[in-house]
Amino acid sequence: MALADDLRELANLHDKELITSEEFKLAKAKLLGTITGADASSAATSLTTKEIADLDNAWEVERQKYIQRDAWGNPVQAHWLAIGAAATVVGGVMMLIAGINILSDWNRIPNEQGRLVCAVLIFATCTGGVAVIAYGAILFGKIGAYRRAEQEYIRKRERLAPVLPKVPDKA
């Protein structure tokens, strides 16, 4: 099964024109075991280096999709993003609690005009609370998606070159 997956991935790289036809043939021969000797070693080293560079470039492009930026365009560190997501969820819960507290005083409101104002406040705080919680959940989802993509990149890179050092995480 792994050989079929590797051949499919190789064909995909060739279809996307990330590797040349010659590199495709050499890599395919390497996978199928039909190339031997010095040619195999030379071709494998050359192809592996290009594959690693292409993988690193593709990862950098994908990684940029996950980076959250502050108001000035600077990347936000992942731990600050997690803290911000948690604070966002806590803030949303507090807004919901505030809406419920306003609702608990409903019978003490003496007139219809006051009740209308309270109804608007209840609606605004509860709706805002749900929206803020949803935004926090989106941030947590983004963190999880980044981690999964990063692990996939590391797995592919280690498969290509188990002895070469991994690219350090910049996020």
N, C-alpha and C. Protein backbone atom coordinates (compact mmCIF):
# COMPACT_ATOMS: atom_id res chain seq x y z
N MET A 1 0.82 -1.20 0.00
CA MET A 1 0.00 0.00 0.00
C MET A 1 0.86 1.26 0.00
N ALA A 2 1.98 1.24 0.75
CA ALA A 2 2.85 2.42 0.82
C ALA A 2 3.47 2.72 -0.54
N LEU A 3 3.83 1.68 -1.28
CA LEU A 3 4.42 1.88 -2.60
C LEU A 3 3.42 2.56 -3.52
N ALA A 4 2.18 2.11 -3.50
CA ALA A 4 1.14 2.72 -4.34
C ALA A 4 0.93 4.18 -3.96
N ASP A 5 0.92 4.46 -2.66
CA ASP A 5 0.77 5.85 -2.20
C ASP A 5 1.94 6.70 -2.65
N ASP A 6 3.16 6.16 -2.53
CA ASP A 6 4.34 6.90 -2.97
C ASP A 6 4.31 7.17 -4.47
N LEU A 7 3.89 6.18 -5.24
CA LEU A 7 3.79 6.38 -6.70
C LEU A 7 2.74 7.43 -7.05
N ARG A 8 1.61 7.40 -6.35
CA ARG A 8 0.56 8.40 -6.57
C ARG A 8 1.07 9.80 -6.23
N GLU A 9 1.77 9.91 -5.10
CA GLU A 9 2.30 11.21 -4.68
C GLU A 9 3.33 11.71 -5.69
N LEU A 10 4.15 10.80 -6.18
CA LEU A 10 5.15 11.15 -7.19
C LEU A 10 4.47 11.62 -8.47
N ALA A 11 3.44 10.91 -8.90
CA ALA A 11 2.70 11.32 -10.10
C ALA A 11 2.04 12.67 -9.89
N ASN A 12 1.55 12.91 -8.69
CA ASN A 12 0.93 14.20 -8.36
C ASN A 12 1.96 15.33 -8.47
N LEU A 13 3.17 15.10 -7.96
CA LEU A 13 4.23 16.11 -8.08
C LEU A 13 4.56 16.38 -9.54
N HIS A 14 4.59 15.32 -10.34
CA HIS A 14 4.87 15.48 -11.77
C HIS A 14 3.74 16.21 -12.47
N ASP A 15 2.50 15.87 -12.14
CA ASP A 15 1.34 16.55 -12.75
C ASP A 15 1.32 18.03 -12.43
N LYS A 16 1.75 18.38 -11.23
CA LYS A 16 1.78 19.79 -10.82
C LYS A 16 3.05 20.50 -11.30
N GLU A 17 3.87 19.76 -12.05
CA GLU A 17 5.11 20.28 -12.61
C GLU A 17 6.09 20.74 -11.53
N LEU A 18 6.05 20.06 -10.39
CA LEU A 18 7.00 20.35 -9.32
C LEU A 18 8.30 19.57 -9.52
N ILE A 19 8.23 18.49 -10.34
CA ILE A 19 9.43 17.75 -10.71
C ILE A 19 9.41 17.56 -12.22
N THR A 20 10.59 17.43 -12.79
CA THR A 20 10.69 17.24 -14.25
C THR A 20 10.37 15.80 -14.61
N SER A 21 10.20 15.54 -15.89
CA SER A 21 9.93 14.18 -16.35
C SER A 21 11.11 13.26 -16.02
N GLU A 22 12.33 13.80 -16.15
CA GLU A 22 13.51 13.00 -15.83
C GLU A 22 13.53 12.64 -14.35
N GLU A 23 13.23 13.61 -13.49
CA GLU A 23 13.19 13.34 -12.06
C GLU A 23 12.09 12.34 -11.72
N PHE A 24 10.97 12.47 -12.41
CA PHE A 24 9.86 11.54 -12.20
C PHE A 24 10.29 10.12 -12.55
N LYS A 25 10.95 9.95 -13.71
CA LYS A 25 11.38 8.61 -14.13
C LYS A 25 12.40 8.03 -13.15
N LEU A 26 13.34 8.87 -12.71
CA LEU A 26 14.35 8.39 -11.76
C LEU A 26 13.72 7.99 -10.43
N ALA A 27 12.82 8.82 -9.95
CA ALA A 27 12.18 8.52 -8.67
C ALA A 27 11.31 7.28 -8.76
N LYS A 28 10.62 7.15 -9.87
CA LYS A 28 9.77 5.97 -10.07
C LYS A 28 10.63 4.71 -10.13
N ALA A 29 11.75 4.80 -10.84
CA ALA A 29 12.66 3.66 -10.92
C ALA A 29 13.22 3.32 -9.54
N LYS A 30 13.52 4.36 -8.78
CA LYS A 30 14.04 4.15 -7.42
C LYS A 30 12.99 3.44 -6.56
N LEU A 31 11.74 3.90 -6.65
CA LEU A 31 10.67 3.28 -5.87
C LEU A 31 10.44 1.82 -6.27
N LEU A 32 10.52 1.57 -7.58
CA LEU A 32 10.25 0.22 -8.07
C LEU A 32 11.47 -0.69 -7.95
N GLY A 33 12.62 -0.08 -7.61
CA GLY A 33 13.83 -0.89 -7.44
C GLY A 33 14.48 -1.30 -8.73
N THR A 34 14.23 -0.58 -9.82
CA THR A 34 14.80 -0.95 -11.12
C THR A 34 16.05 -0.16 -11.46
N ILE A 35 16.50 0.70 -10.55
CA ILE A 35 17.73 1.45 -10.77
C ILE A 35 18.71 1.05 -9.67
N THR A 36 19.97 0.83 -10.03
CA THR A 36 20.95 0.35 -9.05
C THR A 36 22.27 1.09 -9.17
N GLY A 37 23.16 0.83 -8.22
CA GLY A 37 24.52 1.32 -8.30
C GLY A 37 24.66 2.80 -8.07
N ALA A 38 25.73 3.38 -8.65
CA ALA A 38 26.06 4.79 -8.47
C ALA A 38 24.97 5.69 -9.04
N ASP A 39 24.33 5.24 -10.15
CA ASP A 39 23.26 6.05 -10.74
C ASP A 39 22.14 6.25 -9.73
N ALA A 40 21.82 5.20 -9.02
CA ALA A 40 20.74 5.29 -8.03
C ALA A 40 21.11 6.23 -6.91
N SER A 41 22.33 6.11 -6.43
CA SER A 41 22.76 6.97 -5.33
C SER A 41 22.78 8.43 -5.76
N SER A 42 23.33 8.72 -6.92
CA SER A 42 23.40 10.09 -7.42
C SER A 42 22.01 10.65 -7.70
N ALA A 43 21.19 9.86 -8.36
CA ALA A 43 19.84 10.30 -8.70
C ALA A 43 19.01 10.49 -7.43
N ALA A 44 19.15 9.57 -6.49
CA ALA A 44 18.38 9.65 -5.25
C ALA A 44 18.75 10.89 -4.46
N THR A 45 20.04 11.17 -4.37
CA THR A 45 20.48 12.35 -3.62
C THR A 45 19.96 13.62 -4.25
N SER A 46 20.08 13.70 -5.57
CA SER A 46 19.62 14.89 -6.29
C SER A 46 18.11 15.05 -6.15
N LEU A 47 17.40 13.95 -6.36
CA LEU A 47 15.94 14.00 -6.30
C LEU A 47 15.48 14.28 -4.88
N THR A 48 16.08 13.64 -3.89
CA THR A 48 15.68 13.85 -2.51
C THR A 48 15.89 15.29 -2.10
N THR A 49 17.00 15.89 -2.49
CA THR A 49 17.27 17.28 -2.15
C THR A 49 16.22 18.19 -2.77
N LYS A 50 15.85 17.94 -4.02
CA LYS A 50 14.81 18.75 -4.67
C LYS A 50 13.45 18.51 -4.02
N GLU A 51 13.15 17.26 -3.71
CA GLU A 51 11.88 16.96 -3.05
C GLU A 51 11.78 17.67 -1.70
N ILE A 52 12.88 17.65 -0.96
CA ILE A 52 12.88 18.31 0.35
C ILE A 52 12.68 19.81 0.19
N ALA A 53 13.38 20.40 -0.78
CA ALA A 53 13.23 21.84 -1.02
C ALA A 53 11.80 22.17 -1.44
N ASP A 54 11.24 21.34 -2.32
CA ASP A 54 9.85 21.57 -2.76
C ASP A 54 8.88 21.40 -1.60
N LEU A 55 9.11 20.38 -0.78
CA LEU A 55 8.24 20.16 0.38
C LEU A 55 8.34 21.33 1.36
N ASP A 56 9.56 21.79 1.61
CA ASP A 56 9.76 22.93 2.51
C ASP A 56 9.06 24.18 1.97
N ASN A 57 9.19 24.42 0.66
CA ASN A 57 8.52 25.58 0.05
C ASN A 57 7.00 25.47 0.14
N ALA A 58 6.49 24.27 -0.15
CA ALA A 58 5.04 24.07 -0.08
C ALA A 58 4.55 24.24 1.36
N TRP A 59 5.33 23.76 2.34
CA TRP A 59 4.94 23.92 3.73
C TRP A 59 4.92 25.39 4.13
N GLU A 60 5.90 26.15 3.68
CA GLU A 60 5.95 27.58 4.03
C GLU A 60 4.72 28.30 3.48
N VAL A 61 4.31 27.95 2.26
CA VAL A 61 3.10 28.56 1.68
C VAL A 61 1.87 28.17 2.49
N GLU A 62 1.76 26.88 2.82
CA GLU A 62 0.60 26.42 3.60
C GLU A 62 0.62 27.01 5.00
N ARG A 63 1.80 27.09 5.62
CA ARG A 63 1.94 27.61 6.98
C ARG A 63 1.44 29.05 7.08
N GLN A 64 1.66 29.81 6.02
CA GLN A 64 1.23 31.21 6.02
C GLN A 64 -0.30 31.32 6.15
N LYS A 65 -1.03 30.31 5.67
CA LYS A 65 -2.49 30.33 5.77
C LYS A 65 -2.97 30.26 7.22
N TYR A 66 -2.16 29.64 8.07
CA TYR A 66 -2.57 29.43 9.46
C TYR A 66 -2.12 30.54 10.40
N ILE A 67 -1.26 31.42 9.94
CA ILE A 67 -0.70 32.43 10.83
C ILE A 67 -1.73 33.51 11.10
N GLN A 68 -1.96 33.74 12.37
CA GLN A 68 -2.83 34.83 12.82
C GLN A 68 -1.95 36.06 12.99
N ARG A 69 -2.42 37.20 12.55
CA ARG A 69 -1.62 38.42 12.64
C ARG A 69 -2.30 39.44 13.53
N ASP A 70 -1.48 40.25 14.18
CA ASP A 70 -2.03 41.31 15.02
C ASP A 70 -2.43 42.51 14.16
N ALA A 71 -2.85 43.57 14.81
CA ALA A 71 -3.34 44.76 14.09
C ALA A 71 -2.27 45.40 13.21
N TRP A 72 -0.99 45.15 13.51
CA TRP A 72 0.10 45.75 12.75
C TRP A 72 0.67 44.80 11.71
N GLY A 73 0.05 43.63 11.57
CA GLY A 73 0.50 42.66 10.57
C GLY A 73 1.59 41.72 11.05
N ASN A 74 1.96 41.80 12.32
CA ASN A 74 2.99 40.91 12.85
C ASN A 74 2.38 39.56 13.21
N PRO A 75 3.10 38.47 12.97
CA PRO A 75 2.56 37.15 13.34
C PRO A 75 2.43 37.01 14.85
N VAL A 76 1.36 36.35 15.27
CA VAL A 76 1.10 36.11 16.69
C VAL A 76 1.62 34.72 17.03
N GLN A 77 2.38 34.63 18.11
CA GLN A 77 2.90 33.34 18.55
C GLN A 77 1.74 32.42 18.89
N ALA A 78 1.91 31.12 18.65
CA ALA A 78 0.83 30.14 18.84
C ALA A 78 0.32 30.12 20.28
N HIS A 79 1.20 30.24 21.26
CA HIS A 79 0.73 30.19 22.66
C HIS A 79 -0.13 31.41 22.98
N TRP A 80 0.19 32.57 22.40
CA TRP A 80 -0.65 33.75 22.63
C TRP A 80 -2.00 33.59 21.95
N LEU A 81 -2.01 32.93 20.81
CA LEU A 81 -3.27 32.67 20.12
C LEU A 81 -4.15 31.76 20.97
N ALA A 82 -3.55 30.74 21.58
CA ALA A 82 -4.32 29.83 22.44
C ALA A 82 -4.85 30.56 23.67
N ILE A 83 -4.03 31.42 24.26
CA ILE A 83 -4.47 32.20 25.42
C ILE A 83 -5.61 33.14 25.01
N GLY A 84 -5.47 33.77 23.84
CA GLY A 84 -6.52 34.66 23.35
C GLY A 84 -7.82 33.91 23.08
N ALA A 85 -7.70 32.70 22.52
CA ALA A 85 -8.90 31.90 22.26
C ALA A 85 -9.60 31.53 23.57
N ALA A 86 -8.82 31.13 24.56
CA ALA A 86 -9.40 30.78 25.86
C ALA A 86 -10.06 31.99 26.51
N ALA A 87 -9.39 33.14 26.46
CA ALA A 87 -9.96 34.37 27.04
C ALA A 87 -11.23 34.76 26.30
N THR A 88 -11.26 34.54 25.00
CA THR A 88 -12.45 34.86 24.21
C THR A 88 -13.63 34.00 24.64
N VAL A 89 -13.39 32.72 24.83
CA VAL A 89 -14.46 31.81 25.26
C VAL A 89 -14.95 32.22 26.67
N VAL A 90 -14.02 32.52 27.57
CA VAL A 90 -14.40 32.94 28.92
C VAL A 90 -15.23 34.22 28.86
N GLY A 91 -14.81 35.18 28.03
CA GLY A 91 -15.57 36.42 27.87
C GLY A 91 -16.98 36.16 27.35
N GLY A 92 -17.11 35.24 26.42
CA GLY A 92 -18.44 34.89 25.90
C GLY A 92 -19.33 34.28 26.95
N VAL A 93 -18.76 33.41 27.78
CA VAL A 93 -19.53 32.80 28.86
C VAL A 93 -19.98 33.86 29.86
N MET A 94 -19.09 34.81 30.15
CA MET A 94 -19.45 35.89 31.07
C MET A 94 -20.58 36.74 30.49
N MET A 95 -20.56 36.97 29.18
CA MET A 95 -21.65 37.72 28.55
C MET A 95 -22.97 36.97 28.68
N LEU A 96 -22.93 35.65 28.49
CA LEU A 96 -24.16 34.85 28.66
C LEU A 96 -24.66 34.92 30.09
N ILE A 97 -23.76 34.84 31.04
CA ILE A 97 -24.15 34.93 32.46
C ILE A 97 -24.77 36.30 32.74
N ALA A 98 -24.20 37.36 32.18
CA ALA A 98 -24.76 38.70 32.36
C ALA A 98 -26.18 38.77 31.80
N GLY A 99 -26.39 38.18 30.63
CA GLY A 99 -27.73 38.16 30.05
C GLY A 99 -28.72 37.42 30.91
N ILE A 100 -28.29 36.32 31.48
CA ILE A 100 -29.17 35.54 32.36
C ILE A 100 -29.47 36.32 33.64
N ASN A 101 -28.48 37.03 34.17
CA ASN A 101 -28.71 37.85 35.37
C ASN A 101 -29.73 38.95 35.12
N ILE A 102 -29.65 39.57 33.95
CA ILE A 102 -30.64 40.60 33.61
C ILE A 102 -32.02 39.96 33.54
N LEU A 103 -32.11 38.78 32.98
CA LEU A 103 -33.39 38.08 32.86
C LEU A 103 -33.95 37.73 34.24
N SER A 104 -33.09 37.44 35.21
CA SER A 104 -33.58 37.07 36.54
C SER A 104 -34.26 38.24 37.25
N ASP A 105 -33.94 39.46 36.85
CA ASP A 105 -34.57 40.64 37.44
C ASP A 105 -35.79 41.12 36.66
N TRP A 106 -36.26 40.33 35.74
CA TRP A 106 -37.35 40.73 34.85
C TRP A 106 -38.60 41.19 35.61
N ASN A 107 -38.99 40.48 36.65
CA ASN A 107 -40.23 40.80 37.39
C ASN A 107 -40.11 42.10 38.20
N ARG A 108 -38.92 42.57 38.44
CA ARG A 108 -38.74 43.80 39.21
C ARG A 108 -38.81 45.05 38.34
N ILE A 109 -38.90 44.86 37.04
CA ILE A 109 -38.95 46.01 36.13
C ILE A 109 -40.38 46.56 36.13
N PRO A 110 -40.56 47.84 36.50
CA PRO A 110 -41.91 48.37 36.75
C PRO A 110 -42.74 48.64 35.50
N ASN A 111 -42.15 48.93 34.34
CA ASN A 111 -42.99 49.32 33.19
C ASN A 111 -42.51 48.63 31.91
N GLU A 112 -43.34 48.77 30.89
CA GLU A 112 -43.06 48.13 29.60
C GLU A 112 -41.82 48.69 28.92
N GLN A 113 -41.62 49.99 29.05
CA GLN A 113 -40.45 50.61 28.41
C GLN A 113 -39.16 50.04 29.02
N GLY A 114 -39.14 49.87 30.31
CA GLY A 114 -37.98 49.29 30.99
C GLY A 114 -37.76 47.84 30.57
N ARG A 115 -38.88 47.12 30.40
CA ARG A 115 -38.78 45.72 29.98
C ARG A 115 -38.25 45.62 28.55
N LEU A 116 -38.63 46.56 27.70
CA LEU A 116 -38.14 46.58 26.33
C LEU A 116 -36.63 46.81 26.31
N VAL A 117 -36.17 47.74 27.11
CA VAL A 117 -34.73 48.01 27.20
C VAL A 117 -34.00 46.77 27.70
N CYS A 118 -34.56 46.12 28.71
CA CYS A 118 -33.94 44.91 29.24
C CYS A 118 -33.95 43.77 28.23
N ALA A 119 -35.03 43.67 27.46
CA ALA A 119 -35.09 42.62 26.43
C ALA A 119 -33.99 42.83 25.39
N VAL A 120 -33.77 44.08 25.00
CA VAL A 120 -32.70 44.39 24.05
C VAL A 120 -31.34 44.04 24.66
N LEU A 121 -31.14 44.40 25.93
CA LEU A 121 -29.88 44.08 26.61
C LEU A 121 -29.66 42.57 26.70
N ILE A 122 -30.72 41.85 27.03
CA ILE A 122 -30.61 40.39 27.13
C ILE A 122 -30.25 39.80 25.77
N PHE A 123 -30.95 40.25 24.74
CA PHE A 123 -30.68 39.75 23.39
C PHE A 123 -29.24 40.07 22.98
N ALA A 124 -28.81 41.31 23.22
CA ALA A 124 -27.47 41.73 22.81
C ALA A 124 -26.39 40.96 23.56
N THR A 125 -26.53 40.81 24.86
CA THR A 125 -25.48 40.12 25.63
C THR A 125 -25.44 38.63 25.31
N CYS A 126 -26.61 38.02 25.19
CA CYS A 126 -26.61 36.58 24.88
C CYS A 126 -26.12 36.30 23.47
N THR A 127 -26.59 37.10 22.50
CA THR A 127 -26.13 36.93 21.12
C THR A 127 -24.63 37.20 21.03
N GLY A 128 -24.19 38.27 21.67
CA GLY A 128 -22.76 38.58 21.68
C GLY A 128 -21.96 37.48 22.35
N GLY A 129 -22.47 36.96 23.44
CA GLY A 129 -21.78 35.87 24.14
C GLY A 129 -21.62 34.64 23.26
N VAL A 130 -22.68 34.26 22.57
CA VAL A 130 -22.61 33.10 21.67
C VAL A 130 -21.62 33.37 20.53
N ALA A 131 -21.66 34.58 19.97
CA ALA A 131 -20.74 34.93 18.87
C ALA A 131 -19.29 34.89 19.34
N VAL A 132 -19.03 35.40 20.52
CA VAL A 132 -17.66 35.41 21.05
C VAL A 132 -17.18 33.99 21.34
N ILE A 133 -18.04 33.15 21.88
CA ILE A 133 -17.68 31.75 22.12
C ILE A 133 -17.39 31.06 20.78
N ALA A 134 -18.21 31.31 19.77
CA ALA A 134 -17.99 30.71 18.45
C ALA A 134 -16.65 31.15 17.87
N TYR A 135 -16.31 32.42 18.03
CA TYR A 135 -15.02 32.92 17.53
C TYR A 135 -13.86 32.23 18.26
N GLY A 136 -13.99 32.06 19.56
CA GLY A 136 -12.96 31.34 20.32
C GLY A 136 -12.82 29.90 19.82
N ALA A 137 -13.94 29.26 19.53
CA ALA A 137 -13.90 27.89 19.00
C ALA A 137 -13.21 27.85 17.64
N ILE A 138 -13.45 28.86 16.81
CA ILE A 138 -12.79 28.94 15.50
C ILE A 138 -11.28 29.07 15.69
N LEU A 139 -10.85 29.89 16.64
CA LEU A 139 -9.42 30.04 16.90
C LEU A 139 -8.81 28.71 17.37
N PHE A 140 -9.50 28.01 18.27
CA PHE A 140 -9.00 26.71 18.71
C PHE A 140 -8.94 25.73 17.54
N GLY A 141 -9.94 25.77 16.65
CA GLY A 141 -9.93 24.92 15.47
C GLY A 141 -8.75 25.22 14.56
N LYS A 142 -8.44 26.50 14.43
CA LYS A 142 -7.31 26.91 13.59
C LYS A 142 -5.99 26.39 14.18
N ILE A 143 -5.87 26.45 15.49
CA ILE A 143 -4.66 25.94 16.15
C ILE A 143 -4.54 24.43 15.89
N GLY A 144 -5.64 23.70 16.03
CA GLY A 144 -5.62 22.26 15.80
C GLY A 144 -5.29 21.91 14.36
N ALA A 145 -5.86 22.66 13.42
CA ALA A 145 -5.60 22.41 12.00
C ALA A 145 -4.12 22.66 11.68
N TYR A 146 -3.56 23.70 12.26
CA TYR A 146 -2.14 23.99 12.06
C TYR A 146 -1.28 22.84 12.58
N ARG A 147 -1.58 22.38 13.76
CA ARG A 147 -0.79 21.29 14.35
C ARG A 147 -0.87 20.02 13.50
N ARG A 148 -2.05 19.70 13.00
CA ARG A 148 -2.19 18.52 12.14
C ARG A 148 -1.40 18.68 10.85
N ALA A 149 -1.48 19.86 10.23
CA ALA A 149 -0.74 20.11 8.99
C ALA A 149 0.77 20.05 9.25
N GLU A 150 1.19 20.59 10.37
CA GLU A 150 2.62 20.57 10.72
C GLU A 150 3.10 19.13 10.92
N GLN A 151 2.32 18.32 11.60
CA GLN A 151 2.70 16.92 11.82
C GLN A 151 2.79 16.17 10.49
N GLU A 152 1.88 16.45 9.57
CA GLU A 152 1.92 15.82 8.25
C GLU A 152 3.18 16.24 7.49
N TYR A 153 3.52 17.51 7.56
CA TYR A 153 4.75 18.01 6.93
C TYR A 153 5.96 17.31 7.52
N ILE A 154 6.04 17.22 8.84
CA ILE A 154 7.18 16.58 9.50
C ILE A 154 7.27 15.11 9.10
N ARG A 155 6.12 14.44 9.05
CA ARG A 155 6.11 13.02 8.65
C ARG A 155 6.66 12.85 7.24
N LYS A 156 6.20 13.69 6.30
CA LYS A 156 6.68 13.59 4.91
C LYS A 156 8.17 13.91 4.83
N ARG A 157 8.60 14.91 5.57
CA ARG A 157 10.00 15.32 5.51
C ARG A 157 10.90 14.23 6.10
N GLU A 158 10.48 13.61 7.17
CA GLU A 158 11.28 12.54 7.77
C GLU A 158 11.33 11.32 6.85
N ARG A 159 10.26 11.10 6.10
CA ARG A 159 10.26 10.00 5.14
C ARG A 159 11.27 10.26 4.02
N LEU A 160 11.38 11.52 3.59
CA LEU A 160 12.32 11.87 2.53
C LEU A 160 13.76 11.85 3.02
N ALA A 161 14.00 12.37 4.21
CA ALA A 161 15.36 12.48 4.71
C ALA A 161 15.39 12.31 6.22
N PRO A 162 15.39 11.09 6.69
CA PRO A 162 15.34 10.87 8.13
C PRO A 162 16.55 11.42 8.89
N VAL A 163 17.68 11.62 8.21
CA VAL A 163 18.86 12.10 8.91
C VAL A 163 19.01 13.61 8.87
N LEU A 164 18.34 14.28 7.96
CA LEU A 164 18.47 15.73 7.88
C LEU A 164 17.65 16.38 8.98
N PRO A 165 18.10 17.51 9.52
CA PRO A 165 17.35 18.18 10.58
C PRO A 165 16.04 18.75 10.07
N LYS A 166 15.04 18.76 10.93
CA LYS A 166 13.75 19.35 10.59
C LYS A 166 13.83 20.87 10.62
N VAL A 167 12.97 21.49 9.84
CA VAL A 167 12.90 22.93 9.86
C VAL A 167 12.21 23.35 11.15
N PRO A 168 12.79 24.25 11.94
CA PRO A 168 12.16 24.64 13.21
C PRO A 168 10.85 25.37 12.97
N ASP A 169 9.94 25.21 13.93
CA ASP A 169 8.64 25.87 13.85
C ASP A 169 8.82 27.36 14.05
N LYS A 170 8.28 28.17 13.12
CA LYS A 170 8.42 29.61 13.21
C LYS A 170 7.19 30.27 13.81
N ALA A 171 6.09 29.54 13.94
CA ALA A 171 4.85 30.14 14.43
C ALA A 171 4.77 30.10 15.93
